[in-house]
Amino acid sequence: MRRPTLEAVAARAGVSRATVSRVVNGRTTVDPEIRDAVLRAVDELGYVPNSAARSLVTQRTDSIALVVSEPPTRVFSDDPLFSLVVRTAGSELEKAGKQVVLMLASSTPAQERVERYVAGGHVDGVMFVSMHGGDALPAAIMRLGVPVVSYGRPAVAVDLPHADNDNRGGAAQAVRHLRATGRRRIATIAGPGDMIGGQDRLAGYRDALEGGPELVAEGDFTRASGADAMERLLAADPGLDAVFAANDLMAIGALRALRRAGRRVPDDVAVVGFDDIEAARFTEPPLTTVRHPVVEQATAMVRLLLTPPRERGADRVVLPTELVVRDSG
């Protein structure tokens, strides 16, 4: 069967082609009775608007790119936060009549493909997630004049709207909690130094120590790196009695390393993570952690992108974190 045309809808509704076009493109200047007649004709004929043709008229694609600067193995396997950000952003965009286009940009060729895709007019805006300090893509996209927003404070020297959480304050709260429970030799497994989350959570750890001795090992936000960092920390200071890990995955890796080293948690070494992923409740023992408001942050990111700059009030949103005390520390 041939696909119903705009002309066929117009004939069925008894109106002009231009009137049908205004209705299907969401214009509000059409008389309600005429609009209802057009919509009935659309439903009866099964008419589906030609999105390519419509975008030429409206200059909109109703698509938003979600660009993640991480490899596929991390996005789709290791870290549950990515899937939660994608689901939340997709749901919020769907409510606004838009769709999300997921694009991975962990290499220079991938970043160049993203830039060409955006420059080609295929999306109405770009949301960046998990940016690293050497990432040149945000500045390149901003030069294209496309609306841009970031999940988290950008790690690069560009001024773009962003939704963040209180990484520094949350980390400081975690370490102060450990000190309040009598821990004195507190180490940290820091995140990557080229990422804002890693930088801010390390700064919060140092804030809470108030000039006390530091013991730092860097990881890359994966379980394996957490286990490796914990082994290095134990070798550097066998008497340490607590560790703050900059995310829950590294904390889970640390729990494994401590168990293999014969250290009891929390009796010998207390462990606190950051994020409050679902798995934190099911570790042995259950993980004390800092809740990172992922859903709220992703929602705020989408709203920043969809709100015209003159109506935003502010280009930056920083959400509070919350310490969730369980049995590990």
Protein backbone atom coordinates (compact mmCIF):
# COMPACT_ATOMS: atom_id res chain seq x y z
CA MET A 1 0.00 0.00 0.00
CA ARG A 2 1.16 3.53 -0.73
CA ARG A 3 2.02 5.72 2.20
CA PRO A 4 -0.76 8.32 2.85
CA THR A 5 0.25 11.80 1.76
CA LEU A 6 -0.36 15.25 3.17
CA GLU A 7 -2.67 15.89 0.22
CA ALA A 8 -4.75 12.80 1.08
CA VAL A 9 -5.17 14.01 4.66
CA ALA A 10 -6.20 17.46 3.39
CA ALA A 11 -8.81 15.94 1.07
CA ARG A 12 -10.23 13.74 3.85
CA ALA A 13 -10.43 16.67 6.29
CA GLY A 14 -11.72 19.13 3.69
CA VAL A 15 -8.98 21.66 4.29
CA SER A 16 -5.91 22.93 2.48
CA ARG A 17 -2.53 21.20 2.47
CA ALA A 18 -1.05 24.20 4.30
CA THR A 19 -3.57 23.79 7.13
CA VAL A 20 -2.68 20.12 7.54
CA SER A 21 1.00 21.06 7.60
CA ARG A 22 0.42 23.57 10.38
CA VAL A 23 -1.47 21.00 12.46
CA VAL A 24 1.08 18.17 12.15
CA ASN A 25 3.94 20.60 12.91
CA GLY A 26 2.29 21.61 16.17
CA ARG A 27 1.28 25.18 15.27
CA THR A 28 -1.30 26.68 17.64
CA THR A 29 -2.90 29.14 15.19
CA VAL A 30 -5.40 26.63 13.79
CA ASP A 31 -9.07 26.73 14.81
CA PRO A 32 -9.72 23.86 17.31
CA GLU A 33 -12.56 22.35 15.22
CA ILE A 34 -10.40 22.32 12.09
CA ARG A 35 -7.51 20.87 14.08
CA ASP A 36 -9.76 18.04 15.35
CA ALA A 37 -10.91 17.30 11.79
CA VAL A 38 -7.32 17.09 10.59
CA LEU A 39 -6.28 14.82 13.45
CA ARG A 40 -9.23 12.51 12.75
CA ALA A 41 -8.15 12.30 9.12
CA VAL A 42 -4.56 11.59 10.20
CA ASP A 43 -5.78 8.77 12.43
CA GLU A 44 -8.17 7.30 9.84
CA LEU A 45 -5.57 7.26 7.07
CA GLY A 46 -2.64 6.24 9.29
CA TYR A 47 -0.64 9.23 8.10
CA VAL A 48 2.94 9.46 9.47
CA PRO A 49 4.74 12.82 9.00
CA ASN A 50 7.91 12.77 6.93
CA SER A 51 10.44 13.78 9.59
CA ALA A 52 13.12 14.70 7.05
CA ALA A 53 10.81 17.02 5.17
CA ARG A 54 9.43 18.49 8.38
CA SER A 55 12.94 19.28 9.66
CA LEU A 56 13.58 21.33 6.52
CA VAL A 57 10.59 23.48 7.40
CA THR A 58 10.99 23.71 11.17
CA GLN A 59 14.82 23.64 11.27
CA ARG A 60 14.50 21.05 14.08
CA THR A 61 15.33 17.36 14.16
CA ASP A 62 13.78 16.69 17.61
CA SER A 63 16.90 14.65 18.41
CA ILE A 64 19.50 15.32 21.10
CA ALA A 65 22.97 13.75 21.16
CA LEU A 66 24.19 12.25 24.44
CA VAL A 67 27.97 12.10 24.02
CA VAL A 68 29.89 9.88 26.45
CA SER A 69 33.68 10.14 26.48
CA GLU A 70 34.22 6.53 27.61
CA PRO A 71 34.85 3.20 25.82
CA PRO A 72 31.92 0.84 25.19
CA THR A 73 33.11 -1.68 27.80
CA ARG A 74 32.70 0.88 30.56
CA VAL A 75 29.46 2.38 29.29
CA PHE A 76 27.65 -0.92 28.70
CA SER A 77 29.25 -3.27 31.25
CA ASP A 78 31.14 -1.86 34.20
CA ASP A 79 29.41 1.23 35.51
CA PRO A 80 25.63 1.21 36.15
CA LEU A 81 25.56 5.01 36.41
CA PHE A 82 25.86 5.38 32.65
CA SER A 83 22.75 3.32 31.93
CA LEU A 84 20.84 5.30 34.57
CA VAL A 85 21.90 8.62 33.02
CA VAL A 86 20.89 7.39 29.54
CA ARG A 87 17.51 6.08 30.76
CA THR A 88 16.73 9.24 32.68
CA ALA A 89 17.78 11.60 29.88
CA GLY A 90 15.86 9.54 27.33
CA SER A 91 12.72 9.59 29.46
CA GLU A 92 12.89 13.34 30.04
CA LEU A 93 13.47 14.02 26.35
CA GLU A 94 10.58 11.75 25.39
CA LYS A 95 8.28 13.84 27.58
CA ALA A 96 9.39 16.86 25.55
CA GLY A 97 8.72 15.12 22.25
CA LYS A 98 12.40 14.47 21.53
CA GLN A 99 14.66 11.45 21.31
CA VAL A 100 18.18 10.75 22.51
CA VAL A 101 21.01 9.68 20.20
CA LEU A 102 23.77 7.93 22.16
CA MET A 103 27.27 8.60 20.79
CA LEU A 104 30.55 7.30 22.25
CA ALA A 105 33.59 9.52 21.91
CA SER A 106 36.52 7.89 23.68
CA SER A 107 39.00 8.29 20.80
CA THR A 108 40.05 11.04 18.39
CA PRO A 109 38.37 9.38 15.35
CA ALA A 110 35.16 8.95 17.37
CA GLN A 111 35.23 12.59 18.44
CA GLU A 112 35.73 13.67 14.82
CA ARG A 113 32.69 11.59 13.79
CA VAL A 114 30.59 13.21 16.50
CA GLU A 115 31.68 16.67 15.38
CA ARG A 116 30.79 15.91 11.73
CA TYR A 117 27.42 14.47 12.76
CA VAL A 118 26.51 17.52 14.82
CA ALA A 119 27.83 19.91 12.14
CA GLY A 120 25.58 18.12 9.64
CA GLY A 121 22.50 19.37 11.48
CA HIS A 122 21.34 15.94 12.66
CA VAL A 123 20.65 17.00 16.28
CA ASP A 124 19.20 20.05 18.02
CA GLY A 125 21.57 19.91 21.00
CA VAL A 126 24.37 17.99 22.71
CA MET A 127 24.71 16.63 26.26
CA PHE A 128 28.22 15.67 27.40
CA VAL A 129 28.85 12.97 30.01
CA SER A 130 32.13 11.89 31.63
CA MET A 131 34.44 14.41 30.03
CA HIS A 132 38.22 14.25 30.49
CA GLY A 133 40.67 17.12 30.74
CA GLY A 134 42.15 16.68 27.27
CA ASP A 135 38.80 16.49 25.50
CA ALA A 136 38.68 19.06 22.67
CA LEU A 137 35.18 18.09 21.50
CA PRO A 138 33.09 20.40 23.76
CA ALA A 139 34.83 23.53 22.49
CA ALA A 140 34.50 22.32 18.89
CA ILE A 141 30.76 21.69 19.31
CA MET A 142 30.22 25.07 20.98
CA ARG A 143 31.80 26.78 17.96
CA LEU A 144 29.04 25.23 15.83
CA GLY A 145 26.43 27.25 17.73
CA VAL A 146 24.51 24.16 18.87
CA PRO A 147 23.03 24.23 22.41
CA VAL A 148 25.34 22.28 24.72
CA VAL A 149 25.14 21.14 28.36
CA SER A 150 27.30 18.94 30.57
CA TYR A 151 26.54 16.24 33.14
CA GLY A 152 28.94 17.47 35.80
CA ARG A 153 31.20 20.49 35.88
CA PRO A 154 33.26 20.38 32.68
CA ALA A 155 36.83 19.16 32.99
CA VAL A 156 37.91 21.43 30.15
CA ALA A 157 38.36 25.19 29.97
CA VAL A 158 34.99 25.99 28.39
CA ASP A 159 32.08 27.85 29.92
CA LEU A 160 29.03 25.68 29.29
CA PRO A 161 25.85 25.05 31.29
CA HIS A 162 26.08 22.03 33.57
CA ALA A 163 24.29 20.05 36.26
CA ASP A 164 26.59 18.72 38.97
CA ASN A 165 26.49 17.26 42.47
CA ASP A 166 28.51 18.31 45.51
CA ASN A 167 31.43 15.94 44.92
CA ARG A 168 33.80 17.83 47.20
CA GLY A 169 31.35 18.26 50.06
CA GLY A 170 30.18 14.65 49.85
CA ALA A 171 33.73 13.32 49.98
CA ALA A 172 34.54 15.53 52.95
CA GLN A 173 31.42 14.28 54.74
CA ALA A 174 32.51 10.67 54.18
CA VAL A 175 35.98 11.24 55.61
CA ARG A 176 34.67 13.25 58.58
CA HIS A 177 32.34 10.33 59.31
CA LEU A 178 35.34 7.99 59.39
CA ARG A 179 37.19 10.35 61.72
CA ALA A 180 34.14 10.59 63.99
CA THR A 181 34.15 6.80 64.35
CA GLY A 182 37.73 6.87 65.61
CA ARG A 183 39.67 6.17 62.41
CA ARG A 184 42.97 7.98 62.21
CA ARG A 185 44.99 6.49 59.35
CA ILE A 186 42.57 7.18 56.52
CA ALA A 187 43.61 6.49 52.93
CA THR A 188 41.78 7.28 49.71
CA ILE A 189 41.43 5.59 46.34
CA ALA A 190 41.12 8.66 44.11
CA GLY A 191 39.50 8.85 40.70
CA PRO A 192 41.34 9.86 37.51
CA GLY A 193 43.13 13.17 37.87
CA ASP A 194 41.86 14.42 34.50
CA MET A 195 38.21 14.16 35.55
CA ILE A 196 36.36 16.70 37.70
CA GLY A 197 34.78 13.97 39.82
CA GLY A 198 38.22 12.61 40.64
CA GLN A 199 39.65 16.05 41.37
CA ASP A 200 36.77 17.26 43.55
CA ARG A 201 36.46 14.07 45.61
CA LEU A 202 40.20 14.08 46.28
CA ALA A 203 39.94 17.73 47.36
CA GLY A 204 37.09 16.79 49.73
CA TYR A 205 39.22 14.03 51.26
CA ARG A 206 41.98 16.56 51.89
CA ASP A 207 39.53 19.11 53.31
CA ALA A 208 38.37 16.63 55.94
CA LEU A 209 41.89 15.60 56.94
CA GLU A 210 42.55 19.23 57.90
CA GLY A 211 46.27 18.97 57.26
CA GLY A 212 46.64 15.43 58.59
CA PRO A 213 48.72 12.74 56.85
CA GLU A 214 47.53 11.72 53.37
CA LEU A 215 47.72 8.31 51.76
CA VAL A 216 46.53 8.40 48.13
CA ALA A 217 46.39 5.79 45.35
CA GLU A 218 44.70 6.62 42.06
CA GLY A 219 42.24 4.36 40.26
CA ASP A 220 40.13 4.73 37.12
CA PHE A 221 36.65 4.22 38.62
CA THR A 222 36.64 0.45 37.88
CA ARG A 223 36.52 -2.51 40.30
CA ALA A 224 39.89 -3.82 39.15
CA SER A 225 41.58 -0.48 39.71
CA GLY A 226 40.06 -0.30 43.20
CA ALA A 227 41.48 -3.70 44.12
CA ASP A 228 44.90 -2.80 42.72
CA ALA A 229 44.94 0.57 44.52
CA MET A 230 43.95 -1.08 47.81
CA GLU A 231 46.85 -3.51 47.51
CA ARG A 232 49.23 -0.60 46.94
CA LEU A 233 47.84 1.28 49.91
CA LEU A 234 48.28 -1.72 52.22
CA ALA A 235 51.85 -2.13 51.03
CA ALA A 236 52.54 1.56 51.67
CA ASP A 237 50.91 1.59 55.13
CA PRO A 238 49.96 -1.82 56.60
CA GLY A 239 48.47 -0.05 59.63
CA LEU A 240 45.86 2.02 57.81
CA ASP A 241 42.43 1.69 59.41
CA ALA A 242 40.08 3.26 56.84
CA VAL A 243 39.77 4.00 53.14
CA PHE A 244 37.52 6.36 51.23
CA ALA A 245 37.05 5.25 47.61
CA ALA A 246 35.98 7.91 45.09
CA ASN A 247 33.26 5.62 43.71
CA ASP A 248 31.45 2.46 44.72
CA LEU A 249 33.00 0.26 42.04
CA MET A 250 36.48 0.99 43.36
CA ALA A 251 35.20 0.49 46.93
CA ILE A 252 33.89 -2.95 45.92
CA GLY A 253 37.30 -3.77 44.46
CA ALA A 254 38.88 -2.59 47.72
CA LEU A 255 36.62 -4.90 49.74
CA ARG A 256 37.86 -7.83 47.66
CA ALA A 257 41.51 -6.87 48.14
CA LEU A 258 41.06 -6.45 51.88
CA ARG A 259 39.38 -9.85 52.15
CA ARG A 260 42.24 -11.48 50.24
CA ALA A 261 44.73 -9.74 52.56
CA GLY A 262 42.96 -11.14 55.63
CA ARG A 263 41.68 -7.74 56.81
CA ARG A 264 38.22 -7.61 58.37
CA VAL A 265 35.79 -4.87 57.34
CA PRO A 266 35.01 -2.76 59.30
CA ASP A 267 36.90 -4.19 62.33
CA ASP A 268 40.37 -3.74 60.85
CA VAL A 269 39.67 -1.36 57.98
CA ALA A 270 36.54 0.71 57.42
CA VAL A 271 35.49 1.35 53.80
CA VAL A 272 33.32 4.14 52.40
CA GLY A 273 32.42 4.62 48.74
CA PHE A 274 30.67 7.25 46.64
CA ASP A 275 27.58 7.02 44.36
CA ASP A 276 25.28 4.57 46.19
CA ILE A 277 24.82 2.24 43.24
CA GLU A 278 22.40 -0.66 43.76
CA ALA A 279 25.24 -3.14 44.34
CA ALA A 280 26.36 -1.14 47.41
CA ARG A 281 23.49 -2.64 49.41
CA PHE A 282 24.50 -6.20 48.56
CA THR A 283 28.25 -6.21 49.25
CA GLU A 284 29.58 -8.09 52.26
CA PRO A 285 29.36 -6.14 54.47
CA PRO A 286 26.89 -3.63 52.95
CA LEU A 287 28.77 -0.54 51.80
CA THR A 288 28.64 2.82 53.53
CA THR A 289 28.64 5.39 50.76
CA VAL A 290 27.70 8.88 49.61
CA ARG A 291 24.51 9.08 47.57
CA HIS A 292 25.06 10.73 44.20
CA PRO A 293 21.65 11.99 42.93
CA VAL A 294 22.03 10.60 39.41
CA VAL A 295 18.38 10.80 38.34
CA GLU A 296 17.95 14.32 39.64
CA GLN A 297 21.21 15.44 38.05
CA ALA A 298 20.38 13.93 34.64
CA THR A 299 16.92 15.51 34.80
CA ALA A 300 18.43 18.90 35.61
CA MET A 301 20.85 18.51 32.69
CA VAL A 302 18.00 17.91 30.22
CA ARG A 303 15.98 20.83 31.57
CA LEU A 304 18.97 23.15 31.24
CA LEU A 305 19.37 22.12 27.61
CA LEU A 306 15.69 22.55 26.74
CA THR A 307 15.25 25.86 28.55
CA PRO A 308 16.16 28.99 26.54
CA PRO A 309 19.15 30.81 28.13
CA ARG A 310 17.10 33.92 28.93
CA GLU A 311 14.62 31.79 30.93
CA ARG A 312 17.07 29.63 32.90
CA GLY A 313 17.94 31.95 35.73
CA ALA A 314 21.26 30.10 36.16
CA ASP A 315 23.49 28.02 33.89
CA ARG A 316 24.79 25.89 36.76
CA VAL A 317 22.96 23.46 39.03
CA VAL A 318 24.74 21.81 41.99
CA LEU A 319 22.75 19.17 43.86
CA PRO A 320 23.45 18.04 47.44
CA THR A 321 24.80 14.60 48.31
CA GLU A 322 23.88 12.41 51.29
CA LEU A 323 25.91 10.03 53.45
CA VAL A 324 24.31 6.56 53.61
CA VAL A 325 25.69 4.67 56.61
CA ARG A 326 25.74 0.87 56.37
CA ASP A 327 28.02 -1.76 57.92
CA SER A 328 31.35 -1.26 56.11
CA GLY A 329 32.31 1.93 57.89
